[in-house]
C-alpha cells in the first residue's frame, strides 16, 4: 500500500483479506467498523452483536494487517501521532465503503461508518474532503460516490487534537451522527472535542453528542493506563445506544 499511489480499487484489494464479516448474508444494511490506534479489540464484538441482532451486517476493517503492522507498532507509532494520521487513513474508509457495496453485499443506500478514537478521526477527516481531485485521502482517484449511501456515523471518542482536520474545516457531507464525549478524556480534551462538535452542528449536521462521565476508551476492557480507564456500566450503555442509533438510521 503506497500513500498517494493507490487507487480506490487497489486500496480495497489490499484491505479486503483483512476484513472480518459478521451477520446475515444477502443484500443488507451494513456497518463498517474502524478500530482505534491500538488495533481491533474484543469490545467491538459487542457492538457487532448489537448490529447483527437487527439483521445488519458488519464489516470490521483492519487497517494494520495490509501494512504488516502488529498492534504493538500501532501503540508505539500510530497512537503517538508519528505515522498514519487520520487524513491518510481516510483512504481506507473510502475504499472500504466502495468495497462494501461492490463486493460484500452492502445495501448501497444503507451504510453506517463507526470509528473508535483513531478510527473516528479518520472518518471525521474524510467528511471534510470534497474528494474531487487526485491526492485527497491519499488516493489517486478519490470520488465521493462510495459515500452516497452513508446514512449515519458513530464516533466513539474520536481524536480531535491539533492534526484533526475537523478543527479547521467544515464537513462537506453531513450524515446523521452520534458522537461520544468523555468528560474525563485526556487524549482529546473535552473542550477541544466540544469545539469540533459545535462546528459540525453549526454546519447543518444532525448531531447528537452523548456526554459520559468516563475517560478515553471507557468501553474497552483492559484499558487501564492513567489516561484510559474501562467502565463496564458505561460500556454497556454505549453498546445499547449504538444499537438504538442503528435502528433509527437504518
Protein backbone atom coordinates (compact mmCIF):
# COMPACT_ATOMS: atom_id res chain seq x y z
CA UNK A 1 0.00 0.00 0.00
CA UNK A 2 1.52 3.28 -1.13
CA UNK A 3 0.21 6.60 0.11
CA UNK A 4 -0.69 8.80 -2.83
CA UNK A 5 -0.20 6.00 -5.36
CA UNK A 6 -3.09 3.69 -4.50
CA UNK A 7 -6.35 3.85 -6.38
CA UNK A 8 -9.61 3.25 -4.56
CA UNK A 9 -9.71 -0.23 -6.10
CA UNK A 10 -6.13 -1.14 -5.18
CA UNK A 11 -6.56 0.10 -1.62
CA UNK A 12 -9.68 -2.01 -1.30
CA UNK A 13 -7.91 -5.05 -2.77
CA UNK A 14 -5.29 -4.73 -0.03
CA UNK A 15 -7.85 -4.27 2.73
CA UNK A 16 -10.30 -6.98 1.68
CA UNK A 17 -8.36 -10.02 3.02
CA UNK A 18 -8.23 -8.30 6.42
CA UNK A 19 -11.95 -7.54 6.71
CA UNK A 20 -13.94 -9.66 9.15
CA UNK A 21 -17.58 -10.12 8.14
CA UNK A 22 -20.35 -10.88 10.63
CA UNK A 23 -24.09 -11.24 10.29
CA UNK A 24 -26.56 -12.48 7.69
CA UNK A 25 -25.74 -12.90 4.00
CA UNK A 26 -27.56 -11.22 1.16
CA UNK A 27 -28.18 -7.57 0.35
CA UNK A 28 -28.18 -5.95 3.79
CA UNK A 29 -27.62 -2.67 5.57
CA UNK A 30 -24.01 -2.68 6.72
CA UNK A 31 -21.88 -1.12 9.44
CA UNK A 32 -18.21 -0.59 8.65
CA UNK A 33 -16.12 -0.57 11.84
CA UNK A 34 -12.73 1.12 12.13
CA UNK A 35 -10.56 0.29 15.13
CA UNK A 36 -8.59 2.57 17.43
CA UNK A 37 -4.81 3.08 17.18
CA UNK A 38 -4.20 0.04 19.40
CA UNK A 39 -5.82 -2.28 16.87
CA UNK A 40 -9.02 -4.28 16.92
CA UNK A 41 -10.30 -5.17 20.37
CA UNK A 42 -12.95 -7.55 21.75
CA UNK A 43 -15.20 -4.65 22.70
CA UNK A 44 -16.02 -4.22 19.02
CA UNK A 45 -17.57 -7.70 19.07
CA UNK A 46 -20.21 -6.42 21.49
CA UNK A 47 -21.12 -3.59 19.14
CA UNK A 48 -21.17 -6.03 16.23
CA UNK A 49 -23.59 -8.28 18.13
CA UNK A 50 -25.93 -5.33 18.65
CA UNK A 51 -25.90 -4.76 14.89
CA UNK A 52 -26.33 -8.35 13.74
CA UNK A 53 -29.22 -8.82 16.18
CA UNK A 54 -31.09 -6.33 13.99
CA UNK A 55 -30.21 -8.08 10.74
CA UNK A 56 -27.46 -5.60 9.95
CA UNK A 57 -24.23 -6.96 8.50
CA UNK A 58 -20.91 -5.87 9.99
CA UNK A 59 -17.54 -5.43 8.32
CA UNK A 60 -14.64 -4.94 10.74
CA UNK A 61 -11.87 -3.27 8.77
CA UNK A 62 -8.29 -3.91 9.90
CA UNK A 63 -6.03 -1.09 8.72
CA UNK A 64 -2.88 -2.67 10.14
CA UNK A 65 -2.97 -6.12 8.55
CA UNK A 66 -2.43 -4.95 4.95
CA UNK A 67 0.53 -2.87 6.10
CA UNK A 68 2.13 -5.69 8.05
CA UNK A 69 1.89 -3.79 11.33
CA UNK A 70 1.29 -5.60 14.62
CA UNK A 71 -0.81 -3.88 17.24
CA UNK A 72 2.39 -3.08 19.14
CA UNK A 73 3.54 -0.96 16.22
CA UNK A 74 0.26 0.92 16.30
CA UNK A 75 0.56 1.65 20.00
CA UNK A 76 4.15 2.84 19.63
CA UNK A 77 3.93 4.87 16.43
CA UNK A 78 0.29 5.48 15.43
CA UNK A 79 -1.05 6.32 18.88
CA UNK A 80 1.80 8.80 19.31
CA UNK A 81 0.99 10.51 16.01
CA UNK A 82 4.31 9.72 14.35
CA UNK A 83 2.75 7.88 11.39
CA UNK A 84 -0.62 7.18 9.78
CA UNK A 85 -2.72 10.15 10.77
CA UNK A 86 -6.43 10.49 10.19
CA UNK A 87 -6.22 12.11 6.77
CA UNK A 88 -4.16 9.17 5.50
CA UNK A 89 -6.42 6.52 7.00
CA UNK A 90 -9.40 8.31 5.46
CA UNK A 91 -8.45 6.49 2.26
CA UNK A 92 -9.11 3.19 3.99
CA UNK A 93 -12.59 4.38 4.97
CA UNK A 94 -13.41 5.49 1.44
CA UNK A 95 -12.05 2.29 -0.11
CA UNK A 96 -13.94 0.12 2.38
CA UNK A 97 -17.20 1.93 1.59
CA UNK A 98 -16.56 1.22 -2.09
CA UNK A 99 -15.75 -2.43 -1.47
CA UNK A 100 -18.69 -2.99 0.86
CA UNK A 101 -21.13 -2.20 -1.93
CA UNK A 102 -19.12 -3.63 -4.82
CA UNK A 103 -18.20 -6.96 -3.25
CA UNK A 104 -19.62 -7.52 0.24
CA UNK A 105 -23.34 -7.27 -0.41
CA UNK A 106 -23.97 -4.00 1.39
CA UNK A 107 -27.15 -2.16 0.53
CA UNK A 108 -25.76 0.85 -1.36
CA UNK A 109 -28.32 3.10 0.33
CA UNK A 110 -27.82 1.85 3.90
CA UNK A 111 -24.31 2.24 5.28
CA UNK A 112 -23.08 3.37 8.68
CA UNK A 113 -19.45 4.23 9.44
CA UNK A 114 -18.35 3.55 13.02
CA UNK A 115 -14.96 4.55 14.40
CA UNK A 116 -13.22 4.33 17.74
CA UNK A 117 -10.66 7.04 18.61
CA UNK A 118 -8.23 6.95 15.64
CA UNK A 119 -10.92 5.31 13.52
CA UNK A 120 -13.32 8.13 14.35
CA UNK A 121 -10.61 10.66 13.50
CA UNK A 122 -10.21 9.08 10.04
CA UNK A 123 -13.97 9.20 9.44
CA UNK A 124 -14.20 12.84 10.54
CA UNK A 125 -11.27 13.85 8.32
CA UNK A 126 -12.95 12.13 5.38
CA UNK A 127 -16.11 14.16 5.96
CA UNK A 128 -14.09 17.35 5.32
CA UNK A 129 -12.78 16.21 1.92
CA UNK A 130 -14.55 17.08 -1.36
CA UNK A 131 -12.90 14.02 -2.96
CA UNK A 132 -12.82 15.62 -6.38
CA UNK A 133 -9.08 15.75 -7.05
CA UNK A 134 -6.10 13.38 -7.04
CA UNK A 135 -4.33 13.03 -3.71
CA UNK A 136 -7.27 13.54 -1.39
CA UNK A 137 -7.42 10.81 1.26
CA UNK A 138 -4.04 9.69 -0.10
CA UNK A 139 -5.63 8.18 -3.22
CA UNK A 140 -5.03 8.81 -6.93
CA UNK A 141 -8.68 8.68 -7.92
CA UNK A 142 -10.87 9.67 -4.94
CA UNK A 143 -14.58 10.01 -5.54
CA UNK A 144 -17.43 10.93 -3.23
CA UNK A 145 -19.75 8.33 -4.77
CA UNK A 146 -18.88 5.45 -2.36
CA UNK A 147 -20.24 7.65 0.44
CA UNK A 148 -23.60 8.36 -1.22
CA UNK A 149 -25.34 5.68 0.85
CA UNK A 150 -23.84 6.61 4.22
CA UNK A 151 -26.81 7.29 6.49
CA UNK A 152 -25.01 7.67 9.78
CA UNK A 153 -21.75 7.97 11.69
CA UNK A 154 -20.95 6.57 15.13
CA UNK A 155 -17.89 8.27 16.60
CA UNK A 156 -16.61 6.79 19.86
CA UNK A 157 -14.29 9.34 21.50
CA UNK A 158 -12.75 10.37 18.16
CA UNK A 159 -9.35 12.01 18.31
CA UNK A 160 -9.66 15.75 17.80
CA UNK A 161 -6.18 17.08 18.51
CA UNK A 162 -4.18 19.64 16.56
CA UNK A 163 -3.85 17.47 13.43
CA UNK A 164 -7.59 16.70 13.13
CA UNK A 165 -8.97 18.41 10.03
CA UNK A 166 -12.40 18.98 11.59
CA UNK A 167 -10.85 21.59 13.88
CA UNK A 168 -10.41 23.97 10.94
CA UNK A 169 -12.51 22.61 8.08
CA UNK A 170 -16.25 22.28 7.64
CA UNK A 171 -17.79 18.94 6.71
CA UNK A 172 -18.83 18.71 3.07
CA UNK A 173 -21.17 15.78 3.78
CA UNK A 174 -23.29 15.59 6.89
CA UNK A 175 -24.90 12.24 7.67
CA UNK A 176 -26.68 11.88 10.96
CA UNK A 177 -24.06 11.44 13.67
CA UNK A 178 -23.87 10.08 17.21
CA UNK A 179 -20.67 11.25 18.87
CA UNK A 180 -19.36 10.32 22.30
CA UNK A 181 -17.65 12.89 24.52
CA UNK A 182 -15.84 11.56 27.58
CA UNK A 183 -15.90 14.26 30.24
CA UNK A 184 -12.65 12.86 31.72
CA UNK A 185 -10.95 12.23 28.37
CA UNK A 186 -7.35 13.42 28.27
CA UNK A 187 -6.39 12.07 24.84
CA UNK A 188 -8.57 14.78 23.35
CA UNK A 189 -9.60 17.32 25.97
CA UNK A 190 -13.39 17.63 26.25
CA UNK A 191 -13.19 21.33 25.37
CA UNK A 192 -11.46 20.50 22.08
CA UNK A 193 -14.00 17.80 21.28
CA UNK A 194 -16.87 20.15 22.03
CA UNK A 195 -15.43 22.82 19.73
CA UNK A 196 -15.31 20.30 16.90
CA UNK A 197 -18.83 19.11 17.60
CA UNK A 198 -20.09 22.70 17.73
CA UNK A 199 -18.51 23.35 14.33
CA UNK A 200 -20.07 20.21 12.87
CA UNK A 201 -23.52 21.08 14.21
CA UNK A 202 -23.24 24.68 13.00
CA UNK A 203 -22.59 23.31 9.51
CA UNK A 204 -26.00 21.65 9.47
CA UNK A 205 -25.19 18.11 10.60
CA UNK A 206 -27.87 16.31 12.62
CA UNK A 207 -25.52 15.66 15.51
CA UNK A 208 -26.24 14.06 18.87
CA UNK A 209 -23.46 14.32 21.45
CA UNK A 210 -23.56 11.82 24.28
CA UNK A 211 -21.57 13.16 27.22
CA UNK A 212 -20.32 10.41 29.52
CA UNK A 213 -18.52 10.67 32.89
CA UNK A 214 -15.70 8.49 31.63
CA UNK A 215 -12.17 8.53 30.25
CA UNK A 216 -10.85 7.69 26.81
CA UNK A 217 -11.55 4.08 25.76
CA UNK A 218 -14.04 3.65 28.60
CA UNK A 219 -15.74 0.89 26.58
CA UNK A 220 -12.58 -1.17 26.07
CA UNK A 221 -11.75 -3.92 28.59
CA UNK A 222 -8.10 -3.85 29.55
CA UNK A 223 -7.74 -0.10 29.06
CA UNK A 224 -6.22 0.69 32.43
CA UNK A 225 -3.47 3.24 31.82
CA UNK A 226 -3.57 6.59 33.59
CA UNK A 227 -5.43 8.32 30.75
CA UNK A 228 -7.50 5.23 29.85
CA UNK A 229 -10.00 3.53 32.11
CA UNK A 230 -12.58 0.87 31.34
CA UNK A 231 -16.05 1.37 32.79
CA UNK A 232 -18.26 -1.70 32.45
CA UNK A 233 -21.55 0.10 33.04
CA UNK A 234 -20.80 2.91 30.61
CA UNK A 235 -19.60 0.37 28.06
CA UNK A 236 -22.93 -1.45 28.24
CA UNK A 237 -24.77 1.85 27.81
CA UNK A 238 -22.62 2.68 24.78
CA UNK A 239 -23.45 -0.61 23.06
CA UNK A 240 -27.15 -0.06 23.79
CA UNK A 241 -27.03 3.46 22.32
CA UNK A 242 -25.18 2.18 19.28
CA UNK A 243 -27.88 -0.42 18.66
CA UNK A 244 -30.61 2.18 19.07
CA UNK A 245 -28.82 4.52 16.67
CA UNK A 246 -28.66 1.80 14.02
CA UNK A 247 -32.35 1.05 14.37
CA UNK A 248 -33.13 4.72 13.82
CA UNK A 249 -30.87 5.42 10.81
CA UNK A 250 -31.09 2.06 9.03
